């Protein structure tokens, strides 16, 4: 009979089971041991250690202005690329993007509104009745051509939107007005910037 001292246990009883120990160790060694970070969190991390906290109010104010300027730059770039997260509500969605592509893929007479209006205004200041009459005639003809071109653009917008998004309710009048107002702007001044080239089939 084997005597046991009080307070002590046999090594056989206290020794861990090798099979029970090896299995969790293998699982831990095979995994990362930490949850996978989200993409936004991984991109938002700084490559180096975080900067020390500001020591003065002037430095804190300077950092705040730098962060605000960075956010404005990112927002402006996102709006320029046409990303819905940065666009105002009137420009969001695939339907509005389609309308912009339709407008940007064609030559619109409304795009020459500002140059023609400038010439017409300059013609009014010429003290010659013949020149002024000719200027009024040119302005009247150009205005009629804009109306005809806008009607053709509106028909194309309605037809294309109905074909691409047949199962969605649309306010066609608002979409046509949205496209017509964009068509009156010079191409390089449009915002968001055009995503298609002239002549592209949309």
N, C-alpha and C. Protein backbone atom coordinates (compact mmCIF):
# COMPACT_ATOMS: atom_id res chain seq x y z
N UNK A 1 0.85 -1.20 0.00
CA UNK A 1 0.00 0.00 0.00
C UNK A 1 0.87 1.23 0.00
N UNK A 2 0.55 2.19 -0.90
CA UNK A 2 1.37 3.41 -1.06
C UNK A 2 0.79 4.52 -0.21
N UNK A 3 1.68 5.10 0.62
CA UNK A 3 1.26 6.19 1.49
C UNK A 3 1.29 7.51 0.73
N UNK A 4 0.32 8.38 1.01
CA UNK A 4 0.25 9.72 0.40
C UNK A 4 0.43 10.76 1.49
N UNK A 5 1.23 11.71 1.20
CA UNK A 5 1.39 12.82 2.13
C UNK A 5 0.24 13.79 1.95
N UNK A 6 -0.22 14.36 3.04
CA UNK A 6 -1.35 15.32 2.91
C UNK A 6 -0.91 16.54 2.10
N UNK A 7 -1.81 17.03 1.24
CA UNK A 7 -1.51 18.23 0.45
C UNK A 7 -0.81 17.95 -0.84
N UNK A 8 -0.41 16.68 -1.13
CA UNK A 8 0.29 16.35 -2.37
C UNK A 8 -0.57 15.40 -3.19
N UNK A 9 -0.42 15.48 -4.48
CA UNK A 9 -1.14 14.62 -5.39
C UNK A 9 -0.16 13.89 -6.26
N UNK A 10 -0.60 12.79 -6.79
CA UNK A 10 0.28 12.04 -7.68
C UNK A 10 0.48 12.81 -8.97
N UNK A 11 1.68 12.62 -9.51
CA UNK A 11 1.97 13.28 -10.78
C UNK A 11 1.07 12.76 -11.90
N UNK A 12 0.69 11.52 -11.79
CA UNK A 12 -0.18 10.95 -12.81
C UNK A 12 -1.54 11.64 -12.83
N UNK A 13 -2.00 12.09 -11.60
CA UNK A 13 -3.28 12.75 -11.53
C UNK A 13 -3.20 14.20 -11.98
N UNK A 14 -2.07 14.87 -11.68
CA UNK A 14 -1.96 16.29 -11.99
C UNK A 14 -1.41 16.55 -13.37
N UNK A 15 -0.73 15.59 -13.97
CA UNK A 15 -0.14 15.82 -15.30
C UNK A 15 -1.24 15.94 -16.33
N UNK A 16 -1.19 16.90 -17.21
CA UNK A 16 -2.24 17.07 -18.23
C UNK A 16 -2.14 15.99 -19.27
N UNK A 17 -3.27 15.73 -19.88
CA UNK A 17 -3.33 14.73 -20.94
C UNK A 17 -2.69 15.30 -22.20
N UNK A 18 -1.70 14.60 -22.80
CA UNK A 18 -1.06 15.16 -24.00
C UNK A 18 -2.03 15.38 -25.13
N UNK A 19 -3.00 14.51 -25.30
CA UNK A 19 -3.97 14.68 -26.39
C UNK A 19 -4.83 15.91 -26.17
N UNK A 20 -5.19 16.17 -24.89
CA UNK A 20 -6.03 17.33 -24.60
C UNK A 20 -5.29 18.63 -24.76
N UNK A 21 -3.95 18.61 -24.56
CA UNK A 21 -3.17 19.84 -24.66
C UNK A 21 -2.80 20.14 -26.10
N UNK A 22 -2.47 19.11 -26.84
CA UNK A 22 -1.96 19.34 -28.19
C UNK A 22 -3.04 19.88 -29.11
N UNK A 23 -4.30 19.48 -28.91
CA UNK A 23 -5.35 19.91 -29.84
C UNK A 23 -5.60 21.40 -29.79
N UNK A 24 -5.81 22.04 -28.62
CA UNK A 24 -6.01 23.50 -28.63
C UNK A 24 -4.76 24.24 -29.06
N UNK A 25 -3.55 23.70 -28.76
CA UNK A 25 -2.34 24.38 -29.19
C UNK A 25 -2.24 24.41 -30.70
N UNK A 26 -2.64 23.28 -31.35
CA UNK A 26 -2.59 23.26 -32.80
C UNK A 26 -3.59 24.24 -33.39
N UNK A 27 -4.76 24.33 -32.80
CA UNK A 27 -5.77 25.27 -33.29
C UNK A 27 -5.28 26.69 -33.15
N UNK A 28 -4.65 27.02 -32.05
CA UNK A 28 -4.17 28.37 -31.82
C UNK A 28 -3.02 28.71 -32.74
N UNK A 29 -2.15 27.69 -32.96
CA UNK A 29 -1.02 27.96 -33.84
C UNK A 29 -1.45 28.12 -35.28
N UNK A 30 -2.51 27.42 -35.68
CA UNK A 30 -2.95 27.53 -37.06
C UNK A 30 -3.73 28.79 -37.34
N UNK A 31 -4.39 29.41 -36.35
CA UNK A 31 -5.17 30.62 -36.56
C UNK A 31 -4.36 31.86 -36.27
N UNK A 32 -5.03 33.05 -36.46
CA UNK A 32 -4.34 34.31 -36.22
C UNK A 32 -4.38 34.71 -34.76
N UNK A 33 -5.31 34.14 -33.99
CA UNK A 33 -5.39 34.48 -32.58
C UNK A 33 -6.07 35.80 -32.33
N UNK A 34 -6.61 36.47 -33.39
CA UNK A 34 -7.30 37.75 -33.23
C UNK A 34 -8.29 37.90 -34.37
N UNK A 35 -9.37 38.65 -34.18
CA UNK A 35 -10.36 38.82 -35.25
C UNK A 35 -9.79 39.62 -36.41
N UNK A 36 -10.26 39.30 -37.60
CA UNK A 36 -9.79 40.00 -38.80
C UNK A 36 -10.35 41.41 -38.81
N UNK A 37 -9.51 42.43 -38.94
CA UNK A 37 -10.02 43.81 -38.93
C UNK A 37 -10.78 44.12 -40.21
N UNK A 38 -11.73 45.05 -40.09
CA UNK A 38 -12.47 45.47 -41.26
C UNK A 38 -11.55 46.26 -42.19
N UNK A 39 -12.00 46.35 -43.45
CA UNK A 39 -11.16 47.05 -44.44
C UNK A 39 -11.04 48.53 -44.12
N UNK A 40 -12.17 49.13 -43.68
CA UNK A 40 -12.12 50.54 -43.35
C UNK A 40 -11.22 50.81 -42.16
N UNK A 41 -11.22 49.87 -41.19
CA UNK A 41 -10.35 50.05 -40.04
C UNK A 41 -8.89 49.88 -40.42
N UNK A 42 -8.61 48.91 -41.30
CA UNK A 42 -7.23 48.69 -41.72
C UNK A 42 -6.71 49.86 -42.52
N UNK A 43 -7.57 50.46 -43.39
CA UNK A 43 -7.13 51.60 -44.17
C UNK A 43 -7.00 52.85 -43.33
N UNK A 44 -7.80 52.93 -42.26
CA UNK A 44 -7.75 54.13 -41.45
C UNK A 44 -6.60 54.17 -40.47
N UNK A 45 -5.90 53.06 -40.29
CA UNK A 45 -4.80 53.05 -39.36
C UNK A 45 -3.60 53.80 -39.92
N UNK A 46 -2.89 54.48 -39.07
CA UNK A 46 -1.69 55.18 -39.49
C UNK A 46 -0.54 54.20 -39.61
N UNK A 47 0.38 54.44 -40.54
CA UNK A 47 1.50 53.51 -40.68
C UNK A 47 2.45 53.54 -39.50
N UNK A 48 2.50 54.62 -38.77
CA UNK A 48 3.41 54.74 -37.65
C UNK A 48 2.66 54.97 -36.36
N UNK A 49 3.37 55.32 -35.31
CA UNK A 49 2.71 55.58 -34.02
C UNK A 49 1.86 56.83 -34.10
N UNK A 50 0.80 56.91 -33.29
CA UNK A 50 -0.05 58.11 -33.33
C UNK A 50 0.73 59.33 -32.86
N UNK A 51 0.37 60.49 -33.40
CA UNK A 51 1.09 61.70 -33.00
C UNK A 51 0.78 62.06 -31.55
N UNK A 52 1.68 62.73 -30.90
CA UNK A 52 1.42 63.14 -29.51
C UNK A 52 0.31 64.16 -29.45
N UNK A 53 -0.39 64.23 -28.34
CA UNK A 53 -1.48 65.20 -28.23
C UNK A 53 -0.95 66.62 -28.28
N UNK A 54 -1.76 67.54 -28.77
CA UNK A 54 -1.30 68.94 -28.83
C UNK A 54 -1.05 69.50 -27.44
N UNK A 55 -0.07 70.35 -27.37
CA UNK A 55 0.31 70.95 -26.09
C UNK A 55 -0.26 72.34 -25.90
N UNK A 56 -0.65 72.99 -26.99
CA UNK A 56 -1.21 74.34 -26.89
C UNK A 56 -2.51 74.41 -27.68
N UNK A 57 -3.29 75.43 -27.40
CA UNK A 57 -4.55 75.62 -28.11
C UNK A 57 -4.28 75.96 -29.57
N UNK A 58 -3.20 76.66 -29.83
CA UNK A 58 -2.87 77.02 -31.21
C UNK A 58 -2.57 75.78 -32.03
N UNK A 59 -1.83 74.84 -31.46
CA UNK A 59 -1.52 73.61 -32.17
C UNK A 59 -2.76 72.76 -32.37
N UNK A 60 -3.63 72.70 -31.36
CA UNK A 60 -4.87 71.94 -31.49
C UNK A 60 -5.76 72.53 -32.58
N UNK A 61 -5.82 73.84 -32.64
CA UNK A 61 -6.63 74.50 -33.67
C UNK A 61 -6.04 74.24 -35.06
N UNK A 62 -4.71 74.23 -35.14
CA UNK A 62 -4.07 73.97 -36.44
C UNK A 62 -4.36 72.55 -36.91
N UNK A 63 -4.29 71.59 -35.99
CA UNK A 63 -4.60 70.20 -36.36
C UNK A 63 -6.05 70.05 -36.78
N UNK A 64 -6.94 70.73 -36.10
CA UNK A 64 -8.35 70.65 -36.46
C UNK A 64 -8.59 71.20 -37.86
N UNK A 65 -7.94 72.32 -38.18
CA UNK A 65 -8.09 72.88 -39.53
C UNK A 65 -7.51 71.95 -40.58
N UNK A 66 -6.39 71.29 -40.28
CA UNK A 66 -5.81 70.35 -41.24
C UNK A 66 -6.74 69.17 -41.48
N UNK A 67 -7.35 68.64 -40.41
CA UNK A 67 -8.29 67.53 -40.57
C UNK A 67 -9.52 67.95 -41.35
N UNK A 68 -10.03 69.16 -41.10
CA UNK A 68 -11.18 69.64 -41.85
C UNK A 68 -10.83 69.82 -43.33
N UNK A 69 -9.64 70.35 -43.61
CA UNK A 69 -9.23 70.51 -45.00
C UNK A 69 -9.07 69.16 -45.69
N UNK A 70 -8.56 68.16 -44.96
CA UNK A 70 -8.42 66.82 -45.54
C UNK A 70 -9.78 66.21 -45.85
N UNK A 71 -10.72 66.37 -44.93
CA UNK A 71 -12.07 65.84 -45.18
C UNK A 71 -12.73 66.53 -46.36
N UNK A 72 -12.55 67.86 -46.47
CA UNK A 72 -13.13 68.57 -47.60
C UNK A 72 -12.51 68.10 -48.91
N UNK A 73 -11.20 67.86 -48.90
CA UNK A 73 -10.55 67.37 -50.12
C UNK A 73 -11.06 66.00 -50.51
N UNK A 74 -11.21 65.11 -49.53
CA UNK A 74 -11.73 63.77 -49.81
C UNK A 74 -13.16 63.84 -50.32
N UNK A 75 -13.97 64.69 -49.71
CA UNK A 75 -15.35 64.83 -50.15
C UNK A 75 -15.42 65.38 -51.56
N UNK A 76 -14.60 66.38 -51.84
CA UNK A 76 -14.59 66.96 -53.18
C UNK A 76 -14.16 65.94 -54.23
N UNK A 77 -13.14 65.15 -53.90
CA UNK A 77 -12.67 64.13 -54.84
C UNK A 77 -13.74 63.05 -55.06
N UNK A 78 -14.42 62.64 -53.98
CA UNK A 78 -15.48 61.65 -54.12
C UNK A 78 -16.65 62.17 -54.94
N UNK A 79 -17.02 63.43 -54.75
CA UNK A 79 -18.09 64.02 -55.54
C UNK A 79 -17.69 64.12 -57.01
N UNK A 80 -16.43 64.47 -57.25
CA UNK A 80 -15.96 64.58 -58.63
C UNK A 80 -16.00 63.24 -59.34
N UNK A 81 -15.71 62.16 -58.60
CA UNK A 81 -15.75 60.82 -59.20
C UNK A 81 -17.17 60.27 -59.32
N UNK A 82 -18.13 60.95 -58.73
CA UNK A 82 -19.51 60.50 -58.83
C UNK A 82 -19.88 59.41 -57.84
N UNK A 83 -19.17 59.31 -56.71
CA UNK A 83 -19.48 58.30 -55.71
C UNK A 83 -20.70 58.74 -54.90
N UNK A 84 -21.65 57.84 -54.77
CA UNK A 84 -22.92 58.18 -54.12
C UNK A 84 -22.75 58.60 -52.67
N UNK A 85 -21.73 58.08 -52.00
CA UNK A 85 -21.54 58.42 -50.58
C UNK A 85 -21.20 59.89 -50.38
N UNK A 86 -20.68 60.53 -51.41
CA UNK A 86 -20.27 61.93 -51.28
C UNK A 86 -21.20 62.89 -52.02
N UNK A 87 -22.07 62.38 -52.85
CA UNK A 87 -22.92 63.25 -53.65
C UNK A 87 -24.11 63.74 -52.85
N UNK A 88 -24.65 64.91 -53.19
CA UNK A 88 -25.91 65.33 -52.57
C UNK A 88 -27.05 64.44 -53.03
N UNK A 89 -28.18 64.56 -52.37
CA UNK A 89 -29.30 63.65 -52.62
C UNK A 89 -29.80 63.76 -54.07
N UNK A 90 -29.75 64.94 -54.65
CA UNK A 90 -30.29 65.12 -56.01
C UNK A 90 -29.46 64.41 -57.07
N UNK A 91 -28.23 64.02 -56.76
CA UNK A 91 -27.34 63.39 -57.73
C UNK A 91 -27.12 61.90 -57.46
N UNK A 92 -27.72 61.36 -56.44
CA UNK A 92 -27.44 59.98 -56.06
C UNK A 92 -28.29 59.00 -56.85
N UNK A 93 -27.78 57.76 -56.92
CA UNK A 93 -28.54 56.67 -57.49
C UNK A 93 -28.14 56.35 -58.92
N UNK A 94 -28.39 55.10 -59.33
CA UNK A 94 -28.03 54.69 -60.68
C UNK A 94 -28.84 55.38 -61.77
N UNK A 95 -30.08 55.78 -61.46
CA UNK A 95 -30.91 56.45 -62.46
C UNK A 95 -30.35 57.82 -62.79
N UNK A 96 -29.99 58.58 -61.77
CA UNK A 96 -29.39 59.90 -62.01
C UNK A 96 -28.04 59.77 -62.72
N UNK A 97 -27.29 58.72 -62.40
CA UNK A 97 -26.01 58.50 -63.09
C UNK A 97 -26.26 58.21 -64.57
N UNK A 98 -27.31 57.45 -64.85
CA UNK A 98 -27.63 57.16 -66.24
C UNK A 98 -28.02 58.43 -66.99
N UNK A 99 -28.79 59.29 -66.35
CA UNK A 99 -29.18 60.55 -66.99
C UNK A 99 -27.94 61.41 -67.28
N UNK A 100 -27.01 61.45 -66.34
CA UNK A 100 -25.78 62.22 -66.57
C UNK A 100 -24.99 61.65 -67.75
N UNK A 101 -24.93 60.32 -67.84
CA UNK A 101 -24.19 59.70 -68.94
C UNK A 101 -24.86 59.99 -70.28
N UNK A 102 -26.19 60.02 -70.31
CA UNK A 102 -26.89 60.34 -71.54
C UNK A 102 -26.56 61.76 -71.99
N UNK A 103 -26.58 62.68 -71.05
CA UNK A 103 -26.28 64.08 -71.38
C UNK A 103 -24.82 64.23 -71.82
N UNK A 104 -23.91 63.58 -71.10
CA UNK A 104 -22.48 63.75 -71.38
C UNK A 104 -22.03 63.04 -72.65
N UNK A 105 -22.83 62.10 -73.15
CA UNK A 105 -22.43 61.35 -74.34
C UNK A 105 -22.81 62.05 -75.64
N UNK A 106 -23.54 63.15 -75.57
CA UNK A 106 -23.99 63.85 -76.78
C UNK A 106 -23.59 65.32 -76.74
N UNK A 107 -23.57 65.92 -77.91
CA UNK A 107 -23.33 67.36 -78.01
C UNK A 107 -24.66 68.08 -77.84
N UNK A 108 -24.74 68.92 -76.85
CA UNK A 108 -25.97 69.62 -76.54
C UNK A 108 -25.83 71.10 -76.93
N UNK A 109 -26.85 71.61 -77.58
CA UNK A 109 -26.83 73.03 -77.94
C UNK A 109 -26.84 73.92 -76.70
N UNK A 110 -27.44 73.41 -75.63
CA UNK A 110 -27.46 74.20 -74.41
C UNK A 110 -26.08 74.44 -73.81
N UNK A 111 -25.10 73.61 -74.18
CA UNK A 111 -23.75 73.79 -73.66
C UNK A 111 -23.11 75.10 -74.13
N UNK A 112 -23.64 75.65 -75.23
CA UNK A 112 -23.09 76.90 -75.77
C UNK A 112 -23.91 78.10 -75.33
N UNK A 113 -24.73 77.92 -74.30
CA UNK A 113 -25.61 79.00 -73.87
C UNK A 113 -24.81 80.22 -73.39
N UNK A 114 -23.84 80.00 -72.53
CA UNK A 114 -23.08 81.13 -71.99
C UNK A 114 -22.30 81.87 -73.06
N UNK A 115 -21.57 81.19 -73.97
CA UNK A 115 -20.88 81.94 -75.02
C UNK A 115 -21.82 82.74 -75.92
N UNK A 116 -22.95 82.11 -76.30
CA UNK A 116 -23.90 82.82 -77.16
C UNK A 116 -24.53 83.98 -76.41
N UNK A 117 -24.88 83.78 -75.15
CA UNK A 117 -25.47 84.87 -74.37
C UNK A 117 -24.48 86.02 -74.21
N UNK A 118 -23.21 85.71 -74.07
CA UNK A 118 -22.20 86.78 -73.97
C UNK A 118 -22.11 87.58 -75.27
N UNK A 119 -22.14 86.89 -76.42
CA UNK A 119 -22.11 87.59 -77.71
C UNK A 119 -23.35 88.45 -77.92
N UNK A 120 -24.50 87.90 -77.52
CA UNK A 120 -25.73 88.66 -77.67
C UNK A 120 -25.71 89.90 -76.79
N UNK A 121 -25.22 89.76 -75.57
CA UNK A 121 -25.15 90.91 -74.68
C UNK A 121 -24.18 91.97 -75.22
N UNK A 122 -23.07 91.50 -75.79
CA UNK A 122 -22.13 92.45 -76.38
C UNK A 122 -22.73 93.16 -77.59
N UNK A 123 -23.58 92.44 -78.35
CA UNK A 123 -24.21 93.07 -79.52
C UNK A 123 -25.19 94.16 -79.14
N UNK A 124 -25.78 94.06 -77.97
CA UNK A 124 -26.71 95.10 -77.53
C UNK A 124 -26.01 96.44 -77.31
N UNK A 125 -24.73 96.40 -76.96
CA UNK A 125 -24.01 97.62 -76.64
C UNK A 125 -23.40 98.28 -77.88
N UNK A 126 -23.54 97.67 -79.03
CA UNK A 126 -23.04 98.27 -80.25
C UNK A 126 -24.09 99.27 -80.77
N UNK A 127 -23.71 100.54 -80.92
CA UNK A 127 -24.71 101.56 -81.33
C UNK A 127 -25.02 101.48 -82.82
N UNK A 128 -25.55 100.34 -83.23
CA UNK A 128 -25.91 100.15 -84.63
C UNK A 128 -27.23 99.38 -84.66
N UNK A 129 -28.31 99.99 -85.17
CA UNK A 129 -29.61 99.31 -85.17
C UNK A 129 -29.59 98.00 -85.95
N UNK A 130 -28.80 97.92 -87.05
CA UNK A 130 -28.76 96.69 -87.83
C UNK A 130 -28.12 95.56 -87.03
N UNK A 131 -27.03 95.88 -86.35
CA UNK A 131 -26.34 94.86 -85.54
C UNK A 131 -27.24 94.41 -84.40
N UNK A 132 -27.93 95.35 -83.79
CA UNK A 132 -28.81 94.98 -82.68
C UNK A 132 -29.97 94.11 -83.15
N UNK A 133 -30.52 94.42 -84.31
CA UNK A 133 -31.61 93.59 -84.85
C UNK A 133 -31.11 92.19 -85.20
N UNK A 134 -29.91 92.13 -85.79
CA UNK A 134 -29.34 90.83 -86.11
C UNK A 134 -29.06 90.02 -84.85
N UNK A 135 -28.63 90.69 -83.80
CA UNK A 135 -28.36 90.01 -82.53
C UNK A 135 -29.62 89.43 -81.93
N UNK A 136 -30.71 90.20 -81.98
CA UNK A 136 -31.99 89.70 -81.46
C UNK A 136 -32.46 88.49 -82.26
N UNK A 137 -32.27 88.54 -83.58
CA UNK A 137 -32.68 87.41 -84.42
C UNK A 137 -31.88 86.15 -84.09
N UNK A 138 -30.56 86.31 -83.93
CA UNK A 138 -29.71 85.17 -83.59
C UNK A 138 -30.12 84.58 -82.25
N UNK A 139 -30.40 85.43 -81.28
CA UNK A 139 -30.80 84.96 -79.96
C UNK A 139 -32.12 84.21 -80.02
N UNK A 140 -33.06 84.71 -80.82
CA UNK A 140 -34.37 84.06 -80.94
C UNK A 140 -34.23 82.68 -81.60
N UNK A 141 -33.44 82.60 -82.66
CA UNK A 141 -33.24 81.31 -83.34
C UNK A 141 -32.53 80.32 -82.43
N UNK A 142 -31.52 80.79 -81.73
CA UNK A 142 -30.79 79.90 -80.83
C UNK A 142 -31.69 79.40 -79.71
N UNK A 143 -32.55 80.25 -79.19
CA UNK A 143 -33.46 79.85 -78.13
C UNK A 143 -34.42 78.77 -78.62
N UNK A 144 -34.91 78.90 -79.84
CA UNK A 144 -35.78 77.87 -80.40
C UNK A 144 -35.04 76.55 -80.59
N UNK A 145 -33.79 76.61 -81.04
CA UNK A 145 -33.00 75.40 -81.21
C UNK A 145 -32.74 74.70 -79.88
N UNK A 146 -32.55 75.47 -78.83
CA UNK A 146 -32.36 74.87 -77.50
C UNK A 146 -33.62 74.12 -77.08
N UNK A 147 -34.79 74.70 -77.36
CA UNK A 147 -36.04 74.04 -76.99
C UNK A 147 -36.19 72.72 -77.73
N UNK A 148 -35.90 72.73 -79.04
CA UNK A 148 -36.01 71.50 -79.82
C UNK A 148 -35.01 70.45 -79.33
N UNK A 149 -33.79 70.87 -79.06
CA UNK A 149 -32.77 69.93 -78.59
C UNK A 149 -33.13 69.38 -77.22
N UNK A 150 -33.71 70.19 -76.37
CA UNK A 150 -34.10 69.73 -75.04
C UNK A 150 -35.25 68.73 -75.13
N UNK A 151 -36.16 68.93 -76.07
CA UNK A 151 -37.26 67.97 -76.25
C UNK A 151 -36.71 66.62 -76.70
N UNK A 152 -35.76 66.64 -77.65
CA UNK A 152 -35.15 65.38 -78.10
C UNK A 152 -34.39 64.70 -76.97
N UNK A 153 -33.69 65.49 -76.17
CA UNK A 153 -32.96 64.94 -75.03
C UNK A 153 -33.93 64.32 -74.02
N UNK A 154 -35.04 65.00 -73.75
CA UNK A 154 -36.01 64.47 -72.81
C UNK A 154 -36.62 63.16 -73.27
N UNK A 155 -36.90 63.05 -74.56
CA UNK A 155 -37.43 61.78 -75.08
C UNK A 155 -36.43 60.65 -74.93
N UNK A 156 -35.17 60.95 -75.19
CA UNK A 156 -34.15 59.91 -75.04
C UNK A 156 -33.99 59.49 -73.59
N UNK A 157 -34.05 60.45 -72.68
CA UNK A 157 -33.94 60.13 -71.25
C UNK A 157 -35.10 59.23 -70.82
N UNK A 158 -36.31 59.58 -71.21
CA UNK A 158 -37.48 58.78 -70.83
C UNK A 158 -37.37 57.36 -71.38
N UNK A 159 -37.00 57.25 -72.66
CA UNK A 159 -36.93 55.93 -73.29
C UNK A 159 -35.85 55.06 -72.66
N UNK A 160 -34.67 55.64 -72.43
CA UNK A 160 -33.56 54.86 -71.90
C UNK A 160 -33.81 54.45 -70.45
N UNK A 161 -34.33 55.35 -69.65
CA UNK A 161 -34.61 55.03 -68.24
C UNK A 161 -35.69 53.95 -68.16
N UNK A 162 -36.71 54.03 -69.00
CA UNK A 162 -37.76 53.01 -68.98
C UNK A 162 -37.23 51.65 -69.41
N UNK A 163 -36.25 51.63 -70.31
CA UNK A 163 -35.68 50.36 -70.75
C UNK A 163 -34.73 49.77 -69.71
N UNK A 164 -33.93 50.60 -69.06
CA UNK A 164 -32.95 50.09 -68.11
C UNK A 164 -33.55 49.79 -66.75
N UNK A 165 -34.54 50.54 -66.35
CA UNK A 165 -35.15 50.36 -65.02
C UNK A 165 -36.67 50.26 -65.18
N UNK A 166 -37.13 49.16 -65.77
CA UNK A 166 -38.58 49.05 -66.03
C UNK A 166 -39.41 48.79 -64.79
N UNK A 167 -38.82 48.23 -63.76
CA UNK A 167 -39.58 47.83 -62.58
C UNK A 167 -39.55 48.86 -61.46
N UNK A 168 -39.07 50.05 -61.75
CA UNK A 168 -38.97 51.07 -60.71
C UNK A 168 -39.82 52.28 -61.09
N UNK A 169 -40.50 52.87 -60.11
CA UNK A 169 -41.26 54.10 -60.41
C UNK A 169 -40.31 55.28 -60.57
N UNK A 170 -40.56 56.11 -61.55
CA UNK A 170 -39.68 57.24 -61.82
C UNK A 170 -40.52 58.51 -61.99
N UNK A 171 -39.94 59.59 -61.54
CA UNK A 171 -40.53 60.91 -61.79
C UNK A 171 -39.85 61.46 -63.04
N UNK A 172 -40.42 61.13 -64.19
CA UNK A 172 -39.78 61.46 -65.45
C UNK A 172 -39.60 62.96 -65.64
N UNK A 173 -40.53 63.73 -65.16
CA UNK A 173 -40.40 65.18 -65.32
C UNK A 173 -39.17 65.71 -64.57
N UNK A 174 -38.96 65.18 -63.38
CA UNK A 174 -37.79 65.61 -62.63
C UNK A 174 -36.50 65.14 -63.28
N UNK A 175 -36.49 63.92 -63.85
CA UNK A 175 -35.30 63.42 -64.51
C UNK A 175 -34.99 64.22 -65.77
N UNK A 176 -36.03 64.57 -66.54
CA UNK A 176 -35.82 65.37 -67.74
C UNK A 176 -35.28 66.75 -67.40
N UNK A 177 -35.83 67.35 -66.37
CA UNK A 177 -35.35 68.66 -65.95
C UNK A 177 -33.91 68.57 -65.44
N UNK A 178 -33.59 67.49 -64.74
CA UNK A 178 -32.23 67.28 -64.25
C UNK A 178 -31.26 67.18 -65.43
N UNK A 179 -31.63 66.42 -66.46
CA UNK A 179 -30.76 66.30 -67.63
C UNK A 179 -30.67 67.58 -68.43
N UNK A 180 -31.79 68.29 -68.59
CA UNK A 180 -31.77 69.52 -69.36
C UNK A 180 -30.93 70.60 -68.69
N UNK A 181 -31.02 70.70 -67.37
CA UNK A 181 -30.21 71.69 -66.66
C UNK A 181 -28.72 71.36 -66.75
N UNK A 182 -28.38 70.08 -66.75
CA UNK A 182 -26.97 69.71 -66.90
C UNK A 182 -26.50 69.98 -68.32
N UNK A 183 -27.40 69.83 -69.30
CA UNK A 183 -27.02 70.05 -70.69
C UNK A 183 -26.73 71.50 -70.99
N UNK A 184 -27.22 72.43 -70.17
CA UNK A 184 -26.96 73.85 -70.42
C UNK A 184 -25.62 74.31 -69.87
N UNK A 185 -24.90 73.42 -69.21
CA UNK A 185 -23.60 73.78 -68.64
C UNK A 185 -22.48 73.37 -69.59
N UNK A 186 -21.41 74.13 -69.58
CA UNK A 186 -20.23 73.77 -70.36
C UNK A 186 -19.69 72.46 -69.82
N UNK A 187 -19.23 71.60 -70.71
CA UNK A 187 -18.86 70.24 -70.32
C UNK A 187 -17.82 70.21 -69.22
N UNK A 188 -16.81 71.03 -69.31
CA UNK A 188 -15.74 70.99 -68.31
C UNK A 188 -16.17 71.55 -66.96
N UNK A 189 -17.30 72.23 -66.92
CA UNK A 189 -17.78 72.80 -65.66
C UNK A 189 -18.83 71.91 -64.99
N UNK A 190 -19.21 70.83 -65.63
CA UNK A 190 -20.24 69.98 -65.05
C UNK A 190 -19.73 69.26 -63.82
N UNK A 191 -20.65 69.07 -62.89
CA UNK A 191 -20.29 68.41 -61.64
C UNK A 191 -21.46 67.56 -61.17
N UNK A 192 -21.22 66.28 -60.96
CA UNK A 192 -19.96 65.52 -61.08
C UNK A 192 -19.41 65.52 -62.51
N UNK A 193 -18.12 65.29 -62.62
CA UNK A 193 -17.47 65.33 -63.92
C UNK A 193 -18.01 64.23 -64.83
N UNK A 194 -18.03 64.48 -66.13
CA UNK A 194 -18.52 63.45 -67.06
C UNK A 194 -17.71 62.16 -66.95
N UNK A 195 -18.42 61.04 -66.93
CA UNK A 195 -17.76 59.73 -66.82
C UNK A 195 -17.69 59.01 -68.16
N UNK A 196 -18.30 59.59 -69.20
CA UNK A 196 -18.27 58.98 -70.53
C UNK A 196 -17.78 60.02 -71.52
N UNK A 197 -17.23 59.55 -72.64
CA UNK A 197 -16.74 60.44 -73.68
C UNK A 197 -17.87 60.77 -74.66
N UNK A 198 -17.65 61.83 -75.43
CA UNK A 198 -18.64 62.20 -76.43
C UNK A 198 -18.76 61.09 -77.48
N UNK A 199 -19.99 60.81 -77.85
CA UNK A 199 -20.23 59.78 -78.84
C UNK A 199 -20.37 58.38 -78.28
N UNK A 200 -20.23 58.21 -76.98
CA UNK A 200 -20.36 56.88 -76.37
C UNK A 200 -21.83 56.44 -76.39
N UNK A 201 -22.05 55.19 -76.75
CA UNK A 201 -23.41 54.66 -76.73
C UNK A 201 -23.78 54.29 -75.30
N UNK A 202 -24.82 54.93 -74.81
CA UNK A 202 -25.26 54.72 -73.42
C UNK A 202 -26.53 53.88 -73.45
